[in-house]
């Protein structure tokens, strides 16, 4: 096999490996009328989705979703709130109505243990 042909095979193989894409969540994965949170920046790895139903819901302390939120979307007409501690206590982040954040501030990253979808902080 000529050196030119070997080079072409290597380039094509590398292009094939580089072209492999993994399935990732996106903002559009949050249904209209819901509030969603993702465990990574840019709406990757959805950890929760809820309608504006009221009440506080907590992640189990040992859940892989607890203290993981890095991006969120609020596709409702009400503000929502996320809390650093279970039961709706601790530091609070407001998710304003009809808004989103693909990369929360470092001090808000990986800190949500509970949330509600019917009011702000």
C-alpha atoms as a PDB file:
ATOM      1  CA  UNK A   1       0.000   0.000   0.000  1.00  0.00           C
ATOM      2  CA  UNK A   2       1.407   3.381  -0.964  1.00  0.00           C
ATOM      3  CA  UNK A   3       2.105   6.067   1.600  1.00  0.00           C
ATOM      4  CA  UNK A   4      -0.508   8.271  -0.075  1.00  0.00           C
ATOM      5  CA  UNK A   5      -3.163   5.565   0.276  1.00  0.00           C
ATOM      6  CA  UNK A   6      -2.255   4.925   3.966  1.00  0.00           C
ATOM      7  CA  UNK A   7      -2.552   8.646   4.662  1.00  0.00           C
ATOM      8  CA  UNK A   8      -5.997   8.754   3.026  1.00  0.00           C
ATOM      9  CA  UNK A   9      -7.215   5.784   5.108  1.00  0.00           C
ATOM     10  CA  UNK A  10      -5.946   7.381   8.327  1.00  0.00           C
ATOM     11  CA  UNK A  11      -7.609  10.724   7.506  1.00  0.00           C
ATOM     12  CA  UNK A  12     -10.937   9.061   6.684  1.00  0.00           C
ATOM     13  CA  UNK A  13     -10.839   6.954   9.841  1.00  0.00           C
ATOM     14  CA  UNK A  14     -10.106  10.007  11.977  1.00  0.00           C
ATOM     15  CA  UNK A  15     -12.949  11.913  10.331  1.00  0.00           C
ATOM     16  CA  UNK A  16     -15.309   9.055  11.119  1.00  0.00           C
ATOM     17  CA  UNK A  17     -14.299   8.999  14.774  1.00  0.00           C
ATOM     18  CA  UNK A  18     -14.477  12.766  15.071  1.00  0.00           C
ATOM     19  CA  UNK A  19     -17.908  12.811  13.470  1.00  0.00           C
ATOM     20  CA  UNK A  20     -19.534  10.603  16.100  1.00  0.00           C
ATOM     21  CA  UNK A  21     -22.024  12.599  18.112  1.00  0.00           C
ATOM     22  CA  UNK A  22     -23.605  11.747  21.419  1.00  0.00           C
ATOM     23  CA  UNK A  23     -27.245  12.387  22.171  1.00  0.00           C
ATOM     24  CA  UNK A  24     -27.602  15.440  24.370  1.00  0.00           C
ATOM     25  CA  UNK A  25     -30.558  17.236  25.858  1.00  0.00           C
ATOM     26  CA  UNK A  26     -31.508  20.615  24.480  1.00  0.00           C
ATOM     27  CA  UNK A  27     -33.620  23.572  25.533  1.00  0.00           C
ATOM     28  CA  UNK A  28     -36.351  22.322  23.203  1.00  0.00           C
ATOM     29  CA  UNK A  29     -36.580  19.159  25.334  1.00  0.00           C
ATOM     30  CA  UNK A  30     -38.360  21.264  27.956  1.00  0.00           C
ATOM     31  CA  UNK A  31     -42.051  21.089  27.128  1.00  0.00           C
ATOM     32  CA  UNK A  32     -44.083  24.270  26.863  1.00  0.00           C
ATOM     33  CA  UNK A  33     -45.784  25.054  30.167  1.00  0.00           C
ATOM     34  CA  UNK A  34     -43.045  23.391  32.235  1.00  0.00           C
ATOM     35  CA  UNK A  35     -39.968  24.315  34.249  1.00  0.00           C
ATOM     36  CA  UNK A  36     -36.868  22.221  33.553  1.00  0.00           C
ATOM     37  CA  UNK A  37     -33.405  21.839  35.031  1.00  0.00           C
ATOM     38  CA  UNK A  38     -30.304  20.203  33.585  1.00  0.00           C
ATOM     39  CA  UNK A  39     -27.249  18.841  35.376  1.00  0.00           C
ATOM     40  CA  UNK A  40     -24.776  20.374  32.918  1.00  0.00           C
ATOM     41  CA  UNK A  41     -24.363  23.640  31.055  1.00  0.00           C
ATOM     42  CA  UNK A  42     -26.154  24.178  27.742  1.00  0.00           C
ATOM     43  CA  UNK A  43     -29.212  22.050  28.598  1.00  0.00           C
ATOM     44  CA  UNK A  44     -27.422  18.705  28.791  1.00  0.00           C
ATOM     45  CA  UNK A  45     -28.612  15.848  31.072  1.00  0.00           C
ATOM     46  CA  UNK A  46     -32.128  16.854  32.126  1.00  0.00           C
ATOM     47  CA  UNK A  47     -32.599  16.263  35.857  1.00  0.00           C
ATOM     48  CA  UNK A  48     -36.179  17.447  36.192  1.00  0.00           C
ATOM     49  CA  UNK A  49     -39.269  18.766  34.429  1.00  0.00           C
ATOM     50  CA  UNK A  50     -42.464  19.946  36.100  1.00  0.00           C
ATOM     51  CA  UNK A  51     -45.574  21.935  35.223  1.00  0.00           C
ATOM     52  CA  UNK A  52     -46.550  24.963  37.304  1.00  0.00           C
ATOM     53  CA  UNK A  53     -48.226  22.812  39.920  1.00  0.00           C
ATOM     54  CA  UNK A  54     -47.200  24.344  43.221  1.00  0.00           C
ATOM     55  CA  UNK A  55     -45.635  22.813  46.219  1.00  0.00           C
ATOM     56  CA  UNK A  56     -42.004  22.131  46.981  1.00  0.00           C
ATOM     57  CA  UNK A  57     -40.378  18.951  45.735  1.00  0.00           C
ATOM     58  CA  UNK A  58     -37.005  17.774  46.971  1.00  0.00           C
ATOM     59  CA  UNK A  59     -34.433  15.518  45.387  1.00  0.00           C
ATOM     60  CA  UNK A  60     -33.427  12.586  47.563  1.00  0.00           C
ATOM     61  CA  UNK A  61     -30.162  13.444  49.313  1.00  0.00           C
ATOM     62  CA  UNK A  62     -28.469  10.414  47.748  1.00  0.00           C
ATOM     63  CA  UNK A  63     -29.947  10.984  44.271  1.00  0.00           C
ATOM     64  CA  UNK A  64     -27.584  11.563  41.355  1.00  0.00           C
ATOM     65  CA  UNK A  65     -29.739  14.638  40.585  1.00  0.00           C
ATOM     66  CA  UNK A  66     -29.309  16.338  43.962  1.00  0.00           C
ATOM     67  CA  UNK A  67     -26.965  19.353  43.916  1.00  0.00           C
ATOM     68  CA  UNK A  68     -26.328  19.024  40.166  1.00  0.00           C
ATOM     69  CA  UNK A  69     -28.222  21.861  38.408  1.00  0.00           C
ATOM     70  CA  UNK A  70     -26.172  23.956  35.972  1.00  0.00           C
ATOM     71  CA  UNK A  71     -28.813  25.191  33.496  1.00  0.00           C
ATOM     72  CA  UNK A  72     -32.563  25.758  33.583  1.00  0.00           C
ATOM     73  CA  UNK A  73     -35.568  26.889  31.545  1.00  0.00           C
ATOM     74  CA  UNK A  74     -38.919  28.242  32.652  1.00  0.00           C
ATOM     75  CA  UNK A  75     -41.487  27.870  29.894  1.00  0.00           C
ATOM     76  CA  UNK A  76     -44.405  29.014  32.080  1.00  0.00           C
ATOM     77  CA  UNK A  77     -45.982  32.391  32.804  1.00  0.00           C
ATOM     78  CA  UNK A  78     -45.056  32.187  36.525  1.00  0.00           C
ATOM     79  CA  UNK A  79     -41.714  32.509  38.261  1.00  0.00           C
ATOM     80  CA  UNK A  80     -40.230  29.369  39.809  1.00  0.00           C
ATOM     81  CA  UNK A  81     -37.704  28.904  42.603  1.00  0.00           C
ATOM     82  CA  UNK A  82     -34.863  26.487  43.343  1.00  0.00           C
ATOM     83  CA  UNK A  83     -33.375  26.040  46.801  1.00  0.00           C
ATOM     84  CA  UNK A  84     -30.027  24.833  48.083  1.00  0.00           C
ATOM     85  CA  UNK A  85     -31.605  22.700  50.814  1.00  0.00           C
ATOM     86  CA  UNK A  86     -34.427  20.170  50.929  1.00  0.00           C
ATOM     87  CA  UNK A  87     -37.939  21.341  51.716  1.00  0.00           C
ATOM     88  CA  UNK A  88     -37.618  24.754  50.061  1.00  0.00           C
ATOM     89  CA  UNK A  89     -35.039  26.224  52.398  1.00  0.00           C
ATOM     90  CA  UNK A  90     -31.544  27.643  52.089  1.00  0.00           C
ATOM     91  CA  UNK A  91     -30.235  29.859  49.295  1.00  0.00           C
ATOM     92  CA  UNK A  92     -32.829  30.518  46.616  1.00  0.00           C
ATOM     93  CA  UNK A  93     -32.570  31.111  42.882  1.00  0.00           C
ATOM     94  CA  UNK A  94     -35.504  32.607  40.961  1.00  0.00           C
ATOM     95  CA  UNK A  95     -36.292  31.221  37.519  1.00  0.00           C
ATOM     96  CA  UNK A  96     -38.188  34.136  35.967  1.00  0.00           C
ATOM     97  CA  UNK A  97     -41.239  33.395  33.821  1.00  0.00           C
ATOM     98  CA  UNK A  98     -40.559  32.684  30.149  1.00  0.00           C
ATOM     99  CA  UNK A  99     -36.778  32.750  30.588  1.00  0.00           C
ATOM    100  CA  UNK A 100     -33.776  30.460  30.724  1.00  0.00           C
ATOM    101  CA  UNK A 101     -30.109  30.268  31.716  1.00  0.00           C
ATOM    102  CA  UNK A 102     -27.760  27.866  29.962  1.00  0.00           C
ATOM    103  CA  UNK A 103     -24.908  28.369  32.457  1.00  0.00           C
ATOM    104  CA  UNK A 104     -25.767  29.540  35.977  1.00  0.00           C
ATOM    105  CA  UNK A 105     -23.310  31.634  37.962  1.00  0.00           C
ATOM    106  CA  UNK A 106     -20.588  29.640  39.734  1.00  0.00           C
ATOM    107  CA  UNK A 107     -22.099  30.374  43.150  1.00  0.00           C
ATOM    108  CA  UNK A 108     -25.413  28.809  41.973  1.00  0.00           C
ATOM    109  CA  UNK A 109     -23.887  25.811  40.226  1.00  0.00           C
ATOM    110  CA  UNK A 110     -24.505  22.326  41.639  1.00  0.00           C
ATOM    111  CA  UNK A 111     -26.553  23.624  44.540  1.00  0.00           C
ATOM    112  CA  UNK A 112     -30.245  22.776  43.996  1.00  0.00           C
ATOM    113  CA  UNK A 113     -31.844  20.269  46.381  1.00  0.00           C
ATOM    114  CA  UNK A 114     -35.495  21.349  46.086  1.00  0.00           C
ATOM    115  CA  UNK A 115     -37.712  23.470  43.837  1.00  0.00           C
ATOM    116  CA  UNK A 116     -41.173  24.829  43.276  1.00  0.00           C
ATOM    117  CA  UNK A 117     -42.825  25.951  40.043  1.00  0.00           C
ATOM    118  CA  UNK A 118     -45.494  28.389  41.182  1.00  0.00           C
ATOM    119  CA  UNK A 119     -43.621  31.299  42.798  1.00  0.00           C
ATOM    120  CA  UNK A 120     -40.276  33.046  43.062  1.00  0.00           C
ATOM    121  CA  UNK A 121     -37.950  33.247  46.049  1.00  0.00           C
END
